Amino acid sequence: MFWGLAVFVVGASSWSIVPSLYFPDLAPQPKPTTVAACGQELAALERELSEQSIKRLASHDASHHDAWLHEWDRRMALLDDEACGPLKGPRKDLTAARAALGDMLKRYAQDVAPAQRKVRAALDALARAPEPSPHG
């Protein structure tokens, strides 16, 4: 039974891997609708990643573990390499961009946002303070 299973696994692997390596035209191709749907979702994820990151930086928002990042990660995980076919490389690039932006937002929240809040508080306090009289 073991040898039968081993022969089956090796045969099935060879049946799918060998044609894709040596005869790419004969290898199974992803369905165009699947690739198109993957492309649309990648475009939406890329746009959302950029827009949400800009929004966080513009609002001086110090939270970096927002629900949108968790939802973004969930949606990205639903796109698998097999379904995306020729978009596998861009999918990996977008995953790397998300990791880099996530790190940047985390560093911003820890290092930059507190200093910006202090500056903003000092400027707001100065704006609220009555002007000293010119005669002292």
Protein backbone atom coordinates (compact mmCIF):
# COMPACT_ATOMS: atom_id res chain seq x y z
CA MET A 1 0.00 0.00 0.00
CA PHE A 2 2.86 2.37 0.85
CA TRP A 3 4.54 1.81 -2.51
CA GLY A 4 1.27 2.28 -4.33
CA LEU A 5 0.71 5.60 -2.57
CA ALA A 6 4.33 6.65 -3.20
CA VAL A 7 4.03 5.88 -6.92
CA PHE A 8 0.74 7.81 -7.07
CA VAL A 9 2.21 10.89 -5.36
CA VAL A 10 5.33 10.89 -7.53
CA GLY A 11 3.27 10.31 -10.67
CA ALA A 12 0.74 13.04 -9.86
CA SER A 13 3.52 15.49 -9.00
CA SER A 14 5.38 14.68 -12.19
CA TRP A 15 2.19 15.01 -14.23
CA SER A 16 1.71 18.62 -13.08
CA ILE A 17 5.27 19.83 -12.45
CA VAL A 18 7.17 18.44 -15.45
CA PRO A 19 4.85 19.98 -18.07
CA SER A 20 4.92 23.36 -16.32
CA LEU A 21 8.72 23.34 -16.22
CA TYR A 22 9.52 21.99 -19.66
CA PHE A 23 6.32 22.54 -21.65
CA PRO A 24 4.63 25.68 -20.28
CA ASP A 25 2.12 25.77 -23.14
CA LEU A 26 0.84 22.32 -22.12
CA ALA A 27 0.67 23.11 -18.40
CA PRO A 28 -2.73 23.84 -16.90
CA GLN A 29 -3.44 27.56 -17.04
CA PRO A 30 -5.61 29.45 -14.57
CA LYS A 31 -9.04 30.40 -15.78
CA PRO A 32 -9.05 33.92 -17.28
CA THR A 33 -11.97 34.95 -15.09
CA THR A 34 -10.01 33.87 -12.03
CA VAL A 35 -6.97 35.85 -13.12
CA ALA A 36 -9.16 38.86 -13.96
CA ALA A 37 -10.87 38.67 -10.56
CA CYS A 38 -7.47 38.40 -8.89
CA GLY A 39 -6.27 41.44 -10.82
CA GLN A 40 -9.31 43.46 -9.77
CA GLU A 41 -8.84 42.50 -6.13
CA LEU A 42 -5.10 43.28 -6.27
CA ALA A 43 -5.89 46.70 -7.74
CA ALA A 44 -8.45 47.37 -5.01
CA LEU A 45 -6.05 46.21 -2.28
CA GLU A 46 -3.21 48.35 -3.65
CA ARG A 47 -5.44 51.41 -3.83
CA GLU A 48 -6.78 50.82 -0.31
CA LEU A 49 -3.29 50.32 1.10
CA SER A 50 -2.11 53.62 -0.36
CA GLU A 51 -5.23 55.60 0.56
CA GLN A 52 -5.43 54.33 4.13
CA SER A 53 -1.72 54.90 4.76
CA ILE A 54 -1.95 58.46 3.43
CA LYS A 55 -5.06 59.05 5.52
CA ARG A 56 -3.29 57.87 8.70
CA LEU A 57 -0.27 60.06 8.06
CA ALA A 58 -2.33 63.12 7.10
CA SER A 59 -4.49 62.87 10.21
CA HIS A 60 -1.50 62.33 12.51
CA ASP A 61 -3.25 59.13 13.62
CA ALA A 62 -0.98 57.17 15.91
CA SER A 63 -2.82 53.87 15.73
CA HIS A 64 -1.07 51.37 13.53
CA HIS A 65 -3.02 48.21 14.33
CA ASP A 66 -6.24 49.34 12.77
CA ALA A 67 -9.04 47.03 11.77
CA TRP A 68 -8.49 47.96 8.13
CA LEU A 69 -5.04 46.31 8.19
CA HIS A 70 -6.48 43.08 9.57
CA GLU A 71 -9.25 43.11 6.98
CA TRP A 72 -6.69 43.91 4.26
CA ASP A 73 -4.55 40.95 5.34
CA ARG A 74 -7.60 38.67 5.33
CA ARG A 75 -8.53 39.70 1.80
CA MET A 76 -4.95 39.25 0.59
CA ALA A 77 -4.79 35.78 2.13
CA LEU A 78 -7.83 34.74 0.08
CA LEU A 79 -5.84 35.32 -3.12
CA ASP A 80 -3.69 32.28 -3.67
CA ASP A 81 -0.81 31.95 -6.11
CA GLU A 82 -2.60 29.30 -8.15
CA ALA A 83 -5.71 31.42 -8.74
CA CYS A 84 -3.69 34.52 -9.62
CA GLY A 85 -1.49 32.68 -12.11
CA PRO A 86 0.63 35.28 -13.94
CA LEU A 87 -0.12 37.83 -11.19
CA LYS A 88 1.80 35.81 -8.61
CA GLY A 89 4.78 38.19 -8.76
CA PRO A 90 2.71 41.38 -8.34
CA ARG A 91 0.81 39.68 -5.49
CA LYS A 92 4.10 39.02 -3.68
CA ASP A 93 5.25 42.59 -4.39
CA LEU A 94 2.04 43.96 -2.88
CA THR A 95 2.50 41.74 0.18
CA ALA A 96 6.02 43.13 0.59
CA ALA A 97 4.71 46.69 0.18
CA ARG A 98 2.10 46.05 2.88
CA ALA A 99 4.78 44.79 5.25
CA ALA A 100 6.97 47.85 4.60
CA LEU A 101 4.04 50.28 5.00
CA GLY A 102 2.91 48.48 8.14
CA ASP A 103 6.40 48.88 9.61
CA MET A 104 6.45 52.54 8.57
CA LEU A 105 3.08 53.22 10.21
CA LYS A 106 4.26 51.45 13.36
CA ARG A 107 7.44 53.56 13.52
CA TYR A 108 5.37 56.68 12.81
CA ALA A 109 3.01 55.83 15.67
CA GLN A 110 5.88 55.21 18.07
CA ASP A 111 8.35 57.91 17.09
CA VAL A 112 6.82 60.71 15.04
CA ALA A 113 3.18 61.03 16.10
CA PRO A 114 3.93 61.75 19.80
CA ALA A 115 6.32 64.57 18.84
CA GLN A 116 3.77 65.97 16.39
CA ARG A 117 1.09 65.93 19.08
CA LYS A 118 3.39 67.87 21.44
CA VAL A 119 4.13 70.46 18.78
CA ARG A 120 0.42 70.77 17.94
CA ALA A 121 -0.50 71.15 21.64
CA ALA A 122 2.14 73.87 22.12
CA LEU A 123 0.97 75.76 19.04
CA ASP A 124 -2.69 75.45 20.08
CA ALA A 125 -1.86 76.72 23.58
CA LEU A 126 0.01 79.68 22.09
CA ALA A 127 -2.93 80.49 19.83
CA ARG A 128 -5.32 80.46 22.82
CA ALA A 129 -3.09 82.59 25.06
CA PRO A 130 -3.95 86.26 25.17
CA GLU A 131 -1.43 88.51 23.50
CA PRO A 132 0.66 90.52 25.96
CA SER A 133 0.05 94.20 25.88
CA PRO A 134 2.63 96.13 23.87
CA HIS A 135 3.24 98.43 26.88
CA GLY A 136 4.33 95.56 29.11
